[in-house]
Amino acid sequence: MQTPATNRPEPDARPALLARIEQVLDEQIRPELRSEGDLEVVLVGIDEDRVVQVRLSGGCWSCSSALFAWTMRVESALKAAVPEVRFVEAVP
């Protein structure tokens, strides 16, 4: 549920939203990352503007093109399954 004035998720909806995001990561993203090598994605959080922060670890994330490509892959999967997500940002 969203608050009408801000179009933001209500505070009590946050745990359910985070659980849905983790489910997408578990079912779609993490298996694909693991098949590429020793790569991992960690959900850091979601802010009040529905921006999801993730941390990518393992492998070679110093390559900006790989970091960008995987961030976009995560964002695409999350937005398709969890429409409340506005976008995804990779954080250190």
Protein backbone atom coordinates (compact mmCIF):
# COMPACT_ATOMS: atom_id res chain seq x y z
CA MET A 1 0.00 0.00 0.00
CA GLN A 2 1.21 3.49 -0.77
CA THR A 3 0.58 6.79 0.94
CA PRO A 4 -1.50 9.02 -1.39
CA ALA A 5 0.44 12.26 -0.86
CA THR A 6 3.89 10.87 -1.63
CA ASN A 7 3.23 7.70 -3.66
CA ARG A 8 5.78 6.00 -1.38
CA PRO A 9 5.38 2.63 0.32
CA GLU A 10 3.91 2.85 3.80
CA PRO A 11 6.41 2.08 6.59
CA ASP A 12 4.66 -1.16 7.58
CA ALA A 13 4.86 -2.40 3.96
CA ARG A 14 8.67 -2.17 3.95
CA PRO A 15 9.42 -5.67 5.37
CA ALA A 16 7.15 -7.30 2.78
CA LEU A 17 8.74 -5.25 0.00
CA LEU A 18 12.25 -6.23 1.13
CA ALA A 19 11.18 -9.89 1.27
CA ARG A 20 9.87 -9.72 -2.32
CA ILE A 21 13.13 -8.14 -3.46
CA GLU A 22 15.18 -10.86 -1.71
CA GLN A 23 13.01 -13.52 -3.36
CA VAL A 24 13.77 -12.14 -6.83
CA LEU A 25 17.47 -11.98 -6.00
CA ASP A 26 17.40 -15.57 -4.70
CA GLU A 27 15.43 -17.01 -7.61
CA GLN A 28 16.70 -15.04 -10.59
CA ILE A 29 19.90 -13.12 -9.93
CA ARG A 30 22.04 -15.10 -7.49
CA PRO A 31 21.95 -18.38 -9.44
CA GLU A 32 23.02 -16.54 -12.58
CA LEU A 33 25.82 -14.71 -10.75
CA ARG A 34 27.08 -17.95 -9.21
CA SER A 35 27.16 -19.62 -12.62
CA GLU A 36 29.48 -16.82 -13.77
CA GLY A 37 31.93 -17.52 -10.93
CA ASP A 38 32.35 -16.41 -7.36
CA LEU A 39 29.99 -13.43 -7.63
CA GLU A 40 27.37 -12.28 -5.13
CA VAL A 41 24.75 -9.58 -4.70
CA VAL A 42 23.70 -8.32 -1.26
CA LEU A 43 20.58 -6.28 -0.66
CA VAL A 44 21.71 -3.24 1.33
CA GLY A 45 18.30 -1.60 1.56
CA ILE A 46 15.60 0.47 -0.07
CA ASP A 47 15.14 4.15 0.62
CA GLU A 48 11.92 6.12 0.95
CA ASP A 49 12.07 6.99 -2.77
CA ARG A 50 12.02 3.26 -3.64
CA VAL A 51 15.65 3.19 -4.76
CA VAL A 52 17.16 -0.22 -4.05
CA GLN A 53 20.79 -0.34 -2.96
CA VAL A 54 22.78 -3.48 -3.69
CA ARG A 55 26.39 -4.44 -3.12
CA LEU A 56 28.05 -6.65 -5.70
CA SER A 57 30.99 -8.66 -4.42
CA GLY A 58 33.44 -11.31 -5.51
CA GLY A 59 34.93 -11.59 -8.96
CA CYS A 60 36.11 -8.49 -10.75
CA TRP A 61 33.74 -5.64 -10.01
CA SER A 62 36.51 -3.12 -10.64
CA CYS A 63 35.56 -3.37 -14.31
CA SER A 64 32.98 -0.60 -14.67
CA SER A 65 31.27 -2.25 -17.66
CA ALA A 66 30.65 -5.47 -15.69
CA LEU A 67 29.37 -3.50 -12.71
CA PHE A 68 27.04 -1.47 -14.92
CA ALA A 69 25.78 -4.51 -16.84
CA TRP A 70 24.96 -6.48 -13.68
CA THR A 71 23.36 -3.48 -11.99
CA MET A 72 21.09 -3.08 -15.02
CA ARG A 73 20.32 -6.83 -14.99
CA VAL A 74 19.35 -6.64 -11.30
CA GLU A 75 17.24 -3.53 -11.94
CA SER A 76 15.43 -5.13 -14.87
CA ALA A 77 14.55 -8.27 -12.90
CA LEU A 78 13.45 -6.31 -9.82
CA LYS A 79 11.30 -3.82 -11.73
CA ALA A 80 9.57 -6.65 -13.60
CA ALA A 81 8.72 -8.53 -10.41
CA VAL A 82 8.42 -5.66 -7.91
CA PRO A 83 6.90 -2.65 -9.69
CA GLU A 84 7.33 -0.43 -6.63
CA VAL A 85 11.09 -0.33 -7.32
CA ARG A 86 12.08 2.90 -9.09
CA PHE A 87 15.70 1.99 -9.79
CA VAL A 88 18.73 0.15 -8.46
CA GLU A 89 22.09 1.58 -7.46
CA ALA A 90 25.26 -0.33 -6.68
CA VAL A 91 26.94 0.86 -3.49
CA PRO A 92 30.45 0.10 -2.24
